[in-house]
Amino acid sequence: VETSAASTAVVVASDPVEQDEDEDVVVVEAVEEETEDAEEEAEAEETEEEEEEEEEDPEDPAPAIKEACGESMACKSLKHHLDECAARVEEGSKESCAEELLHFLHCVDQCAVPKIFATLK
């Protein structure tokens, strides 16, 4: 008896005459909504990409600040020692000038860091 009831239910559900036509309409509407959502997302992504292209990256002030500090009075004597060492190396000296370079770069960094951080937002 249970089998016939189940088969009757299957027949009723699969019978095209008794199917609700509204189900087909709902499915079509759902597909259309999904398509519209996908199109809206694609347009939003394109808009974001265009905005990113329009925005220019701000210029990094650090190199200019470091160069100015390298030429400042505070680091001028260390730059002079580095230049003298470099001249000796070009003439054939076997020294490396690493110590002079490190002292000069330390001076530049000490001068530049507060100025660079002052420019950050």
PDB file of N, CA and C in Angstrom:
ATOM      1  N   VAL A   1       0.840  -1.192   0.000  1.00  0.00           N
ATOM      2  CA  VAL A   1       0.000   0.000   0.000  1.00  0.00           C
ATOM      3  C   VAL A   1       0.884   1.254   0.000  1.00  0.00           C
ATOM      4  N   GLU A   2       1.999   1.209   0.762  1.00  0.00           N
ATOM      5  CA  GLU A   2       2.889   2.365   0.824  1.00  0.00           C
ATOM      6  C   GLU A   2       3.531   2.627  -0.533  1.00  0.00           C
ATOM      7  N   THR A   3       3.848   1.574  -1.253  1.00  0.00           N
ATOM      8  CA  THR A   3       4.497   1.725  -2.540  1.00  0.00           C
ATOM      9  C   THR A   3       3.589   2.433  -3.525  1.00  0.00           C
ATOM     10  N   SER A   4       2.327   2.069  -3.540  1.00  0.00           N
ATOM     11  CA  SER A   4       1.415   2.689  -4.492  1.00  0.00           C
ATOM     12  C   SER A   4       1.193   4.160  -4.150  1.00  0.00           C
ATOM     13  N   ALA A   5       1.191   4.506  -2.885  1.00  0.00           N
ATOM     14  CA  ALA A   5       1.021   5.900  -2.509  1.00  0.00           C
ATOM     15  C   ALA A   5       2.229   6.712  -2.940  1.00  0.00           C
ATOM     16  N   ALA A   6       3.406   6.120  -2.780  1.00  0.00           N
ATOM     17  CA  ALA A   6       4.620   6.808  -3.192  1.00  0.00           C
ATOM     18  C   ALA A   6       4.655   6.962  -4.693  1.00  0.00           C
ATOM     19  N   SER A   7       4.265   5.913  -5.412  1.00  0.00           N
ATOM     20  CA  SER A   7       4.290   6.008  -6.863  1.00  0.00           C
ATOM     21  C   SER A   7       3.233   6.979  -7.343  1.00  0.00           C
ATOM     22  N   THR A   8       2.128   7.059  -6.648  1.00  0.00           N
ATOM     23  CA  THR A   8       1.098   8.011  -7.025  1.00  0.00           C
ATOM     24  C   THR A   8       1.617   9.429  -6.819  1.00  0.00           C
ATOM     25  N   ALA A   9       2.342   9.617  -5.727  1.00  0.00           N
ATOM     26  CA  ALA A   9       2.894  10.935  -5.457  1.00  0.00           C
ATOM     27  C   ALA A   9       3.900  11.326  -6.518  1.00  0.00           C
ATOM     28  N   VAL A  10       4.695  10.350  -6.969  1.00  0.00           N
ATOM     29  CA  VAL A  10       5.684  10.617  -7.998  1.00  0.00           C
ATOM     30  C   VAL A  10       4.986  10.966  -9.293  1.00  0.00           C
ATOM     31  N   VAL A  11       3.958  10.233  -9.611  1.00  0.00           N
ATOM     32  CA  VAL A  11       3.230  10.483 -10.842  1.00  0.00           C
ATOM     33  C   VAL A  11       2.580  11.859 -10.784  1.00  0.00           C
ATOM     34  N   VAL A  12       2.043  12.204  -9.657  1.00  0.00           N
ATOM     35  CA  VAL A  12       1.385  13.502  -9.525  1.00  0.00           C
ATOM     36  C   VAL A  12       2.408  14.613  -9.669  1.00  0.00           C
ATOM     37  N   ALA A  13       3.595  14.442  -9.066  1.00  0.00           N
ATOM     38  CA  ALA A  13       4.614  15.483  -9.116  1.00  0.00           C
ATOM     39  C   ALA A  13       5.206  15.618 -10.507  1.00  0.00           C
ATOM     40  N   SER A  14       5.287  14.495 -11.243  1.00  0.00           N
ATOM     41  CA  SER A  14       5.908  14.567 -12.552  1.00  0.00           C
ATOM     42  C   SER A  14       4.889  14.798 -13.656  1.00  0.00           C
ATOM     43  N   ASP A  15       3.645  14.856 -13.336  1.00  0.00           N
ATOM     44  CA  ASP A  15       2.615  15.060 -14.338  1.00  0.00           C
ATOM     45  C   ASP A  15       2.644  16.522 -14.776  1.00  0.00           C
ATOM     46  N   PRO A  16       2.958  16.814 -16.047  1.00  0.00           N
ATOM     47  CA  PRO A  16       3.085  18.188 -16.494  1.00  0.00           C
ATOM     48  C   PRO A  16       1.775  18.953 -16.461  1.00  0.00           C
ATOM     49  N   VAL A  17       0.678  18.279 -16.498  1.00  0.00           N
ATOM     50  CA  VAL A  17      -0.608  18.953 -16.476  1.00  0.00           C
ATOM     51  C   VAL A  17      -0.844  19.578 -15.116  1.00  0.00           C
ATOM     52  N   GLU A  18      -0.413  18.879 -14.064  1.00  0.00           N
ATOM     53  CA  GLU A  18      -0.671  19.374 -12.723  1.00  0.00           C
ATOM     54  C   GLU A  18       0.457  20.252 -12.179  1.00  0.00           C
ATOM     55  N   GLN A  19       1.542  20.457 -12.921  1.00  0.00           N
ATOM     56  CA  GLN A  19       2.623  21.308 -12.444  1.00  0.00           C
ATOM     57  C   GLN A  19       2.178  22.763 -12.445  1.00  0.00           C
ATOM     58  N   ASP A  20       2.692  23.487 -11.484  1.00  0.00           N
ATOM     59  CA  ASP A  20       2.330  24.891 -11.354  1.00  0.00           C
ATOM     60  C   ASP A  20       3.177  25.712 -12.328  1.00  0.00           C
ATOM     61  N   GLU A  21       2.559  26.510 -13.159  1.00  0.00           N
ATOM     62  CA  GLU A  21       3.279  27.318 -14.130  1.00  0.00           C
ATOM     63  C   GLU A  21       4.065  28.438 -13.447  1.00  0.00           C
ATOM     64  N   ASP A  22       3.667  28.818 -12.244  1.00  0.00           N
ATOM     65  CA  ASP A  22       4.357  29.862 -11.508  1.00  0.00           C
ATOM     66  C   ASP A  22       5.784  29.453 -11.149  1.00  0.00           C
ATOM     67  N   GLU A  23       6.035  28.144 -11.003  1.00  0.00           N
ATOM     68  CA  GLU A  23       7.377  27.676 -10.684  1.00  0.00           C
ATOM     69  C   GLU A  23       8.342  28.052 -11.786  1.00  0.00           C
ATOM     70  N   ASP A  24       7.945  27.900 -13.046  1.00  0.00           N
ATOM     71  CA  ASP A  24       8.803  28.258 -14.170  1.00  0.00           C
ATOM     72  C   ASP A  24       9.094  29.754 -14.162  1.00  0.00           C
ATOM     73  N   VAL A  25       8.113  30.558 -13.845  1.00  0.00           N
ATOM     74  CA  VAL A  25       8.281  31.999 -13.806  1.00  0.00           C
ATOM     75  C   VAL A  25       9.249  32.382 -12.697  1.00  0.00           C
ATOM     76  N   VAL A  26       9.137  31.746 -11.534  1.00  0.00           N
ATOM     77  CA  VAL A  26      10.024  32.039 -10.410  1.00  0.00           C
ATOM     78  C   VAL A  26      11.454  31.696 -10.766  1.00  0.00           C
ATOM     79  N   VAL A  27      11.672  30.573 -11.427  1.00  0.00           N
ATOM     80  CA  VAL A  27      13.015  30.155 -11.817  1.00  0.00           C
ATOM     81  C   VAL A  27      13.605  31.158 -12.793  1.00  0.00           C
ATOM     82  N   VAL A  28      12.836  31.600 -13.763  1.00  0.00           N
ATOM     83  CA  VAL A  28      13.324  32.563 -14.742  1.00  0.00           C
ATOM     84  C   VAL A  28      13.660  33.883 -14.050  1.00  0.00           C
ATOM     85  N   GLU A  29      12.818  34.327 -13.126  1.00  0.00           N
ATOM     86  CA  GLU A  29      13.092  35.559 -12.414  1.00  0.00           C
ATOM     87  C   GLU A  29      14.364  35.446 -11.583  1.00  0.00           C
ATOM     88  N   ALA A  30      14.597  34.307 -10.953  1.00  0.00           N
ATOM     89  CA  ALA A  30      15.802  34.108 -10.155  1.00  0.00           C
ATOM     90  C   ALA A  30      17.047  34.171 -11.026  1.00  0.00           C
ATOM     91  N   VAL A  31      16.983  33.582 -12.206  1.00  0.00           N
ATOM     92  CA  VAL A  31      18.126  33.608 -13.127  1.00  0.00           C
ATOM     93  C   VAL A  31      18.381  35.036 -13.582  1.00  0.00           C
ATOM     94  N   GLU A  32      17.325  35.782 -13.881  1.00  0.00           N
ATOM     95  CA  GLU A  32      17.493  37.167 -14.299  1.00  0.00           C
ATOM     96  C   GLU A  32      18.104  38.005 -13.186  1.00  0.00           C
ATOM     97  N   GLU A  33      17.694  37.794 -11.939  1.00  0.00           N
ATOM     98  CA  GLU A  33      18.251  38.534 -10.809  1.00  0.00           C
ATOM     99  C   GLU A  33      19.731  38.222 -10.631  1.00  0.00           C
ATOM    100  N   GLU A  34      20.112  36.950 -10.786  1.00  0.00           N
ATOM    101  CA  GLU A  34      21.521  36.567 -10.662  1.00  0.00           C
ATOM    102  C   GLU A  34      22.347  37.240 -11.752  1.00  0.00           C
ATOM    103  N   THR A  35      21.810  37.294 -12.967  1.00  0.00           N
ATOM    104  CA  THR A  35      22.519  37.930 -14.071  1.00  0.00           C
ATOM    105  C   THR A  35      22.686  39.425 -13.804  1.00  0.00           C
ATOM    106  N   GLU A  36      21.622  40.067 -13.313  1.00  0.00           N
ATOM    107  CA  GLU A  36      21.709  41.492 -13.005  1.00  0.00           C
ATOM    108  C   GLU A  36      22.720  41.746 -11.893  1.00  0.00           C
ATOM    109  N   ASP A  37      22.746  40.887 -10.863  1.00  0.00           N
ATOM    110  CA  ASP A  37      23.708  41.039  -9.773  1.00  0.00           C
ATOM    111  C   ASP A  37      25.136  40.912 -10.285  1.00  0.00           C
ATOM    112  N   ALA A  38      25.375  39.948 -11.170  1.00  0.00           N
ATOM    113  CA  ALA A  38      26.717  39.749 -11.719  1.00  0.00           C
ATOM    114  C   ALA A  38      27.135  40.968 -12.547  1.00  0.00           C
ATOM    115  N   GLU A  39      26.200  41.515 -13.315  1.00  0.00           N
ATOM    116  CA  GLU A  39      26.511  42.693 -14.120  1.00  0.00           C
ATOM    117  C   GLU A  39      26.814  43.895 -13.223  1.00  0.00           C
ATOM    118  N   GLU A  40      26.049  44.078 -12.142  1.00  0.00           N
ATOM    119  CA  GLU A  40      26.286  45.179 -11.220  1.00  0.00           C
ATOM    120  C   GLU A  40      27.645  45.043 -10.548  1.00  0.00           C
ATOM    121  N   GLU A  41      28.022  43.825 -10.186  1.00  0.00           N
ATOM    122  CA  GLU A  41      29.332  43.603  -9.560  1.00  0.00           C
ATOM    123  C   GLU A  41      30.450  43.935 -10.532  1.00  0.00           C
ATOM    124  N   ALA A  42      30.283  43.527 -11.790  1.00  0.00           N
ATOM    125  CA  ALA A  42      31.303  43.803 -12.802  1.00  0.00           C
ATOM    126  C   ALA A  42      31.445  45.312 -13.009  1.00  0.00           C
ATOM    127  N   GLU A  43      30.320  46.029 -13.048  1.00  0.00           N
ATOM    128  CA  GLU A  43      30.370  47.479 -13.213  1.00  0.00           C
ATOM    129  C   GLU A  43      31.042  48.139 -12.010  1.00  0.00           C
ATOM    130  N   ALA A  44      30.756  47.638 -10.802  1.00  0.00           N
ATOM    131  CA  ALA A  44      31.367  48.194  -9.591  1.00  0.00           C
ATOM    132  C   ALA A  44      32.877  47.991  -9.611  1.00  0.00           C
ATOM    133  N   GLU A  45      33.324  46.823 -10.059  1.00  0.00           N
ATOM    134  CA  GLU A  45      34.761  46.546 -10.134  1.00  0.00           C
ATOM    135  C   GLU A  45      35.426  47.464 -11.148  1.00  0.00           C
ATOM    136  N   GLU A  46      34.766  47.684 -12.308  1.00  0.00           N
ATOM    137  CA  GLU A  46      35.328  48.565 -13.323  1.00  0.00           C
ATOM    138  C   GLU A  46      35.434  49.992 -12.789  1.00  0.00           C
ATOM    139  N   THR A  47      34.433  50.432 -12.052  1.00  0.00           N
ATOM    140  CA  THR A  47      34.443  51.775 -11.479  1.00  0.00           C
ATOM    141  C   THR A  47      35.591  51.919 -10.488  1.00  0.00           C
ATOM    142  N   GLU A  48      35.801  50.903  -9.642  1.00  0.00           N
ATOM    143  CA  GLU A  48      36.895  50.934  -8.672  1.00  0.00           C
ATOM    144  C   GLU A  48      38.237  50.988  -9.379  1.00  0.00           C
ATOM    145  N   GLU A  49      38.393  50.201 -10.464  1.00  0.00           N
ATOM    146  CA  GLU A  49      39.647  50.189 -11.202  1.00  0.00           C
ATOM    147  C   GLU A  49      39.910  51.556 -11.828  1.00  0.00           C
ATOM    148  N   GLU A  50      38.856  52.189 -12.367  1.00  0.00           N
ATOM    149  CA  GLU A  50      39.018  53.501 -12.962  1.00  0.00           C
ATOM    150  C   GLU A  50      39.418  54.526 -11.911  1.00  0.00           C
ATOM    151  N   GLU A  51      38.822  54.452 -10.719  1.00  0.00           N
ATOM    152  CA  GLU A  51      39.170  55.379  -9.646  1.00  0.00           C
ATOM    153  C   GLU A  51      40.615  55.187  -9.216  1.00  0.00           C
ATOM    154  N   GLU A  52      41.066  53.924  -9.161  1.00  0.00           N
ATOM    155  CA  GLU A  52      42.445  53.655  -8.768  1.00  0.00           C
ATOM    156  C   GLU A  52      43.411  54.203  -9.806  1.00  0.00           C
ATOM    157  N   GLU A  53      43.036  54.101 -11.101  1.00  0.00           N
ATOM    158  CA  GLU A  53      43.894  54.619 -12.151  1.00  0.00           C
ATOM    159  C   GLU A  53      43.976  56.138 -12.080  1.00  0.00           C
ATOM    160  N   GLU A  54      42.863  56.782 -11.720  1.00  0.00           N
ATOM    161  CA  GLU A  54      42.832  58.222 -11.645  1.00  0.00           C
ATOM    162  C   GLU A  54      43.668  58.748 -10.489  1.00  0.00           C
ATOM    163  N   GLU A  55      43.695  58.017  -9.381  1.00  0.00           N
ATOM    164  CA  GLU A  55      44.470  58.431  -8.228  1.00  0.00           C
ATOM    165  C   GLU A  55      45.948  58.226  -8.511  1.00  0.00           C
ATOM    166  N   GLU A  56      46.700  59.298  -8.384  1.00  0.00           N
ATOM    167  CA  GLU A  56      48.136  59.182  -8.585  1.00  0.00           C
ATOM    168  C   GLU A  56      48.797  58.933  -7.245  1.00  0.00           C
ATOM    169  N   ASP A  57      49.816  58.108  -7.256  1.00  0.00           N
ATOM    170  CA  ASP A  57      50.556  57.859  -6.029  1.00  0.00           C
ATOM    171  C   ASP A  57      51.305  59.131  -5.656  1.00  0.00           C
ATOM    172  N   PRO A  58      51.240  59.500  -4.395  1.00  0.00           N
ATOM    173  CA  PRO A  58      51.978  60.696  -3.986  1.00  0.00           C
ATOM    174  C   PRO A  58      53.481  60.449  -4.102  1.00  0.00           C
ATOM    175  N   GLU A  59      54.198  61.504  -4.411  1.00  0.00           N
ATOM    176  CA  GLU A  59      55.647  61.389  -4.560  1.00  0.00           C
ATOM    177  C   GLU A  59      56.283  61.177  -3.197  1.00  0.00           C
ATOM    178  N   ASP A  60      57.242  60.276  -3.144  1.00  0.00           N
ATOM    179  CA  ASP A  60      57.936  59.969  -1.894  1.00  0.00           C
ATOM    180  C   ASP A  60      58.913  61.102  -1.576  1.00  0.00           C
ATOM    181  N   PRO A  61      58.731  61.770  -0.442  1.00  0.00           N
ATOM    182  CA  PRO A  61      59.619  62.884  -0.103  1.00  0.00           C
ATOM    183  C   PRO A  61      60.957  62.432   0.477  1.00  0.00           C
ATOM    184  N   ALA A  62      61.095  61.176   0.828  1.00  0.00           N
ATOM    185  CA  ALA A  62      62.297  60.689   1.521  1.00  0.00           C
ATOM    186  C   ALA A  62      63.594  60.918   0.742  1.00  0.00           C
ATOM    187  N   PRO A  63      63.668  60.579  -0.549  1.00  0.00           N
ATOM    188  CA  PRO A  63      64.950  60.784  -1.245  1.00  0.00           C
ATOM    189  C   PRO A  63      65.404  62.243  -1.261  1.00  0.00           C
ATOM    190  N   ALA A  64      64.482  63.161  -1.462  1.00  0.00           N
ATOM    191  CA  ALA A  64      64.853  64.578  -1.481  1.00  0.00           C
ATOM    192  C   ALA A  64      65.306  65.043  -0.101  1.00  0.00           C
ATOM    193  N   ILE A  65      64.625  64.575   0.920  1.00  0.00           N
ATOM    194  CA  ILE A  65      64.987  64.950   2.294  1.00  0.00           C
ATOM    195  C   ILE A  65      66.362  64.390   2.643  1.00  0.00           C
ATOM    196  N   LYS A  66      66.604  63.131   2.273  1.00  0.00           N
ATOM    197  CA  LYS A  66      67.912  62.521   2.563  1.00  0.00           C
ATOM    198  C   LYS A  66      69.034  63.237   1.818  1.00  0.00           C
ATOM    199  N   GLU A  67      68.766  63.619   0.585  1.00  0.00           N
ATOM    200  CA  GLU A  67      69.795  64.335  -0.183  1.00  0.00           C
ATOM    201  C   GLU A  67      70.114  65.681   0.467  1.00  0.00           C
ATOM    202  N   ALA A  68      69.070  66.380   0.898  1.00  0.00           N
ATOM    203  CA  ALA A  68      69.283  67.667   1.562  1.00  0.00           C
ATOM    204  C   ALA A  68      70.052  67.484   2.868  1.00  0.00           C
ATOM    205  N   CYS A  69      69.739  66.432   3.598  1.00  0.00           N
ATOM    206  CA  CYS A  69      70.463  66.173   4.848  1.00  0.00           C
ATOM    207  C   CYS A  69      71.922  65.809   4.578  1.00  0.00           C
ATOM    208  N   GLY A  70      72.173  65.100   3.490  1.00  0.00           N
ATOM    209  CA  GLY A  70      73.541  64.737   3.137  1.00  0.00           C
ATOM    210  C   GLY A  70      74.403  65.939   2.821  1.00  0.00           C
ATOM    211  N   GLU A  71      73.750  67.004   2.369  1.00  0.00           N
ATOM    212  CA  GLU A  71      74.468  68.226   2.034  1.00  0.00           C
ATOM    213  C   GLU A  71      74.449  69.248   3.171  1.00  0.00           C
ATOM    214  N   SER A  72      73.797  68.912   4.283  1.00  0.00           N
ATOM    215  CA  SER A  72      73.682  69.846   5.401  1.00  0.00           C
ATOM    216  C   SER A  72      75.006  69.989   6.143  1.00  0.00           C
ATOM    217  N   MET A  73      75.080  71.015   6.954  1.00  0.00           N
ATOM    218  CA  MET A  73      76.293  71.277   7.741  1.00  0.00           C
ATOM    219  C   MET A  73      76.565  70.145   8.728  1.00  0.00           C
ATOM    220  N   ALA A  74      75.515  69.512   9.231  1.00  0.00           N
ATOM    221  CA  ALA A  74      75.684  68.450  10.225  1.00  0.00           C
ATOM    222  C   ALA A  74      76.443  67.259   9.646  1.00  0.00           C
ATOM    223  N   CYS A  75      76.230  66.974   8.384  1.00  0.00           N
ATOM    224  CA  CYS A  75      76.853  65.791   7.765  1.00  0.00           C
ATOM    225  C   CYS A  75      77.975  66.159   6.792  1.00  0.00           C
ATOM    226  N   LYS A  76      78.238  67.440   6.657  1.00  0.00           N
ATOM    227  CA  LYS A  76      79.220  67.881   5.663  1.00  0.00           C
ATOM    228  C   LYS A  76      80.622  67.329   5.925  1.00  0.00           C
ATOM    229  N   SER A  77      81.064  67.318   7.189  1.00  0.00           N
ATOM    230  CA  SER A  77      82.418  66.818   7.475  1.00  0.00           C
ATOM    231  C   SER A  77      82.516  65.313   7.208  1.00  0.00           C
ATOM    232  N   LEU A  78      81.448  64.580   7.521  1.00  0.00           N
ATOM    233  CA  LEU A  78      81.461  63.130   7.255  1.00  0.00           C
ATOM    234  C   LEU A  78      81.455  62.856   5.758  1.00  0.00           C
ATOM    235  N   LYS A  79      80.747  63.676   4.986  1.00  0.00           N
ATOM    236  CA  LYS A  79      80.742  63.547   3.525  1.00  0.00           C
ATOM    237  C   LYS A  79      82.143  63.824   2.989  1.00  0.00           C
ATOM    238  N   HIS A  80      82.825  64.813   3.562  1.00  0.00           N
ATOM    239  CA  HIS A  80      84.184  65.147   3.142  1.00  0.00           C
ATOM    240  C   HIS A  80      85.129  63.959   3.390  1.00  0.00           C
ATOM    241  N   HIS A  81      85.027  63.318   4.566  1.00  0.00           N
ATOM    242  CA  HIS A  81      85.878  62.146   4.869  1.00  0.00           C
ATOM    243  C   HIS A  81      85.572  60.996   3.906  1.00  0.00           C
ATOM    244  N   LEU A  82      84.303  60.799   3.586  1.00  0.00           N
ATOM    245  CA  LEU A  82      83.919  59.736   2.641  1.00  0.00           C
ATOM    246  C   LEU A  82      84.478  60.024   1.253  1.00  0.00           C
ATOM    247  N   ASP A  83      84.388  61.269   0.813  1.00  0.00           N
ATOM    248  CA  ASP A  83      84.906  61.639  -0.509  1.00  0.00           C
ATOM    249  C   ASP A  83      86.423  61.466  -0.579  1.00  0.00           C
ATOM    250  N   GLU A  84      87.122  61.838   0.501  1.00  0.00           N
ATOM    251  CA  GLU A  84      88.584  61.653   0.535  1.00  0.00           C
ATOM    252  C   GLU A  84      88.951  60.178   0.467  1.00  0.00           C
ATOM    253  N   CYS A  85      88.214  59.346   1.200  1.00  0.00           N
ATOM    254  CA  CYS A  85      88.479  57.908   1.180  1.00  0.00           C
ATOM    255  C   CYS A  85      88.231  57.338  -0.215  1.00  0.00           C
ATOM    256  N   ALA A  86      87.134  57.760  -0.843  1.00  0.00           N
ATOM    257  CA  ALA A  86      86.814  57.277  -2.190  1.00  0.00           C
ATOM    258  C   ALA A  86      87.911  57.673  -3.179  1.00  0.00           C
ATOM    259  N   ALA A  87      88.443  58.873  -3.021  1.00  0.00           N
ATOM    260  CA  ALA A  87      89.531  59.314  -3.901  1.00  0.00           C
ATOM    261  C   ALA A  87      90.772  58.444  -3.703  1.00  0.00           C
ATOM    262  N   ARG A  88      91.071  58.096  -2.451  1.00  0.00           N
ATOM    263  CA  ARG A  88      92.226  57.225  -2.181  1.00  0.00           C
ATOM    264  C   ARG A  88      92.023  55.839  -2.805  1.00  0.00           C
ATOM    265  N   VAL A  89      90.818  55.323  -2.726  1.00  0.00           N
ATOM    266  CA  VAL A  89      90.522  53.999  -3.302  1.00  0.00           C
ATOM    267  C   VAL A  89      90.688  54.048  -4.818  1.00  0.00           C
ATOM    268  N   GLU A  90      90.249  55.131  -5.443  1.00  0.00           N
ATOM    269  CA  GLU A  90      90.408  55.264  -6.893  1.00  0.00           C
ATOM    270  C   GLU A  90      91.874  55.334  -7.298  1.00  0.00           C
ATOM    271  N   GLU A  91      92.720  55.836  -6.409  1.00  0.00           N
ATOM    272  CA  GLU A  91      94.146  55.936  -6.692  1.00  0.00           C
ATOM    273  C   GLU A  91      94.866  54.614  -6.467  1.00  0.00           C
ATOM    274  N   GLY A  92      94.156  53.619  -5.917  1.00  0.00           N
ATOM    275  CA  GLY A  92      94.784  52.313  -5.750  1.00  0.00           C
ATOM    276  C   GLY A  92      94.869  51.822  -4.323  1.00  0.00           C
ATOM    277  N   SER A  93      94.343  52.543  -3.369  1.00  0.00           N
ATOM    278  CA  SER A  93      94.375  52.113  -1.974  1.00  0.00           C
ATOM    279  C   SER A  93      93.514  50.860  -1.801  1.00  0.00           C
ATOM    280  N   LYS A  94      93.877  50.033  -0.833  1.00  0.00           N
ATOM    281  CA  LYS A  94      93.150  48.780  -0.601  1.00  0.00           C
ATOM    282  C   LYS A  94      92.074  48.902   0.476  1.00  0.00           C
ATOM    283  N   GLU A  95      91.851  50.114   1.012  1.00  0.00           N
ATOM    284  CA  GLU A  95      90.828  50.272   2.043  1.00  0.00           C
ATOM    285  C   GLU A  95      89.422  50.212   1.412  1.00  0.00           C
ATOM    286  N   SER A  96      88.419  50.030   2.263  1.00  0.00           N
ATOM    287  CA  SER A  96      87.058  49.834   1.732  1.00  0.00           C
ATOM    288  C   SER A  96      86.139  51.036   1.937  1.00  0.00           C
ATOM    289  N   CYS A  97      86.440  51.956   2.795  1.00  0.00           N
ATOM    290  CA  CYS A  97      85.621  53.130   3.112  1.00  0.00           C
ATOM    291  C   CYS A  97      84.285  52.754   3.756  1.00  0.00           C
ATOM    292  N   ALA A  98      84.142  51.541   4.241  1.00  0.00           N
ATOM    293  CA  ALA A  98      82.884  51.110   4.859  1.00  0.00           C
ATOM    294  C   ALA A  98      82.589  51.926   6.105  1.00  0.00           C
ATOM    295  N   GLU A  99      83.619  52.161   6.917  1.00  0.00           N
ATOM    296  CA  GLU A  99      83.404  52.923   8.154  1.00  0.00           C
ATOM    297  C   GLU A  99      82.941  54.342   7.854  1.00  0.00           C
ATOM    298  N   GLU A 100      83.572  54.999   6.886  1.00  0.00           N
ATOM    299  CA  GLU A 100      83.191  56.358   6.513  1.00  0.00           C
ATOM    300  C   GLU A 100      81.766  56.402   5.961  1.00  0.00           C
ATOM    301  N   LEU A 101      81.430  55.413   5.160  1.00  0.00           N
ATOM    302  CA  LEU A 101      80.085  55.347   4.582  1.00  0.00           C
ATOM    303  C   LEU A 101      79.031  55.162   5.671  1.00  0.00           C
ATOM    304  N   LEU A 102      79.295  54.267   6.606  1.00  0.00           N
ATOM    305  CA  LEU A 102      78.327  54.026   7.677  1.00  0.00           C
ATOM    306  C   LEU A 102      78.130  55.264   8.552  1.00  0.00           C
ATOM    307  N   HIS A 103      79.208  55.963   8.848  1.00  0.00           N
ATOM    308  CA  HIS A 103      79.090  57.187   9.648  1.00  0.00           C
ATOM    309  C   HIS A 103      78.265  58.247   8.904  1.00  0.00           C
ATOM    310  N   PHE A 104      78.552  58.390   7.621  1.00  0.00           N
ATOM    311  CA  PHE A 104      77.815  59.367   6.813  1.00  0.00           C
ATOM    312  C   PHE A 104      76.330  59.004   6.729  1.00  0.00           C
ATOM    313  N   LEU A 105      76.019  57.743   6.448  1.00  0.00           N
ATOM    314  CA  LEU A 105      74.617  57.325   6.340  1.00  0.00           C
ATOM    315  C   LEU A 105      73.878  57.454   7.670  1.00  0.00           C
ATOM    316  N   HIS A 106      74.573  57.194   8.762  1.00  0.00           N
ATOM    317  CA  HIS A 106      73.958  57.365  10.076  1.00  0.00           C
ATOM    318  C   HIS A 106      73.591  58.834  10.302  1.00  0.00           C
ATOM    319  N   CYS A 107      74.487  59.723   9.932  1.00  0.00           N
ATOM    320  CA  CYS A 107      74.217  61.150  10.070  1.00  0.00           C
ATOM    321  C   CYS A 107      73.015  61.560   9.210  1.00  0.00           C
ATOM    322  N   VAL A 108      72.977  61.095   7.984  1.00  0.00           N
ATOM    323  CA  VAL A 108      71.864  61.410   7.083  1.00  0.00           C
ATOM    324  C   VAL A 108      70.550  60.896   7.662  1.00  0.00           C
ATOM    325  N   ASP A 109      70.555  59.671   8.160  1.00  0.00           N
ATOM    326  CA  ASP A 109      69.334  59.095   8.735  1.00  0.00           C
ATOM    327  C   ASP A 109      68.881  59.873   9.968  1.00  0.00           C
ATOM    328  N   GLN A 110      69.826  60.246  10.825  1.00  0.00           N
ATOM    329  CA  GLN A 110      69.476  61.002  12.039  1.00  0.00           C
ATOM    330  C   GLN A 110      68.830  62.340  11.670  1.00  0.00           C
ATOM    331  N   CYS A 111      69.294  62.936  10.620  1.00  0.00           N
ATOM    332  CA  CYS A 111      68.746  64.216  10.170  1.00  0.00           C
ATOM    333  C   CYS A 111      67.400  64.025   9.463  1.00  0.00           C
ATOM    334  N   ALA A 112      67.283  63.000   8.630  1.00  0.00           N
ATOM    335  CA  ALA A 112      66.121  62.843   7.747  1.00  0.00           C
ATOM    336  C   ALA A 112      64.896  62.229   8.416  1.00  0.00           C
ATOM    337  N   VAL A 113      65.090  61.310   9.320  1.00  0.00           N
ATOM    338  CA  VAL A 113      63.953  60.569   9.886  1.00  0.00           C
ATOM    339  C   VAL A 113      62.895  61.484  10.497  1.00  0.00           C
ATOM    340  N   PRO A 114      63.236  62.436  11.358  1.00  0.00           N
ATOM    341  CA  PRO A 114      62.171  63.297  11.912  1.00  0.00           C
ATOM    342  C   PRO A 114      61.434  64.091  10.831  1.00  0.00           C
ATOM    343  N   LYS A 115      62.155  64.516   9.813  1.00  0.00           N
ATOM    344  CA  LYS A 115      61.526  65.290   8.730  1.00  0.00           C
ATOM    345  C   LYS A 115      60.602  64.415   7.889  1.00  0.00           C
ATOM    346  N   ILE A 116      61.030  63.177   7.650  1.00  0.00           N
ATOM    347  CA  ILE A 116      60.200  62.269   6.850  1.00  0.00           C
ATOM    348  C   ILE A 116      58.916  61.937   7.602  1.00  0.00           C
ATOM    349  N   PHE A 117      59.021  61.632   8.887  1.00  0.00           N
ATOM    350  CA  PHE A 117      57.827  61.280   9.667  1.00  0.00           C
ATOM    351  C   PHE A 117      56.897  62.490   9.836  1.00  0.00           C
ATOM    352  N   ALA A 118      57.446  63.682   9.800  1.00  0.00           N
ATOM    353  CA  ALA A 118      56.605  64.876   9.899  1.00  0.00           C
ATOM    354  C   ALA A 118      55.727  65.042   8.661  1.00  0.00           C
ATOM    355  N   THR A 119      56.166  64.482   7.519  1.00  0.00           N
ATOM    356  CA  THR A 119      55.383  64.604   6.280  1.00  0.00           C
ATOM    357  C   THR A 119      54.289  63.548   6.162  1.00  0.00           C
ATOM    358  N   LEU A 120      54.330  62.523   7.015  1.00  0.00           N
ATOM    359  CA  LEU A 120      53.315  61.456   6.930  1.00  0.00           C
ATOM    360  C   LEU A 120      51.990  61.957   7.484  1.00  0.00           C
ATOM    361  N   LYS A 121      50.924  61.405   6.932  1.00  0.00           N
ATOM    362  CA  LYS A 121      49.586  61.807   7.383  1.00  0.00           C
ATOM    363  C   LYS A 121      49.146  60.957   8.531  1.00  0.00           C
TER     364      LYS A 121
END
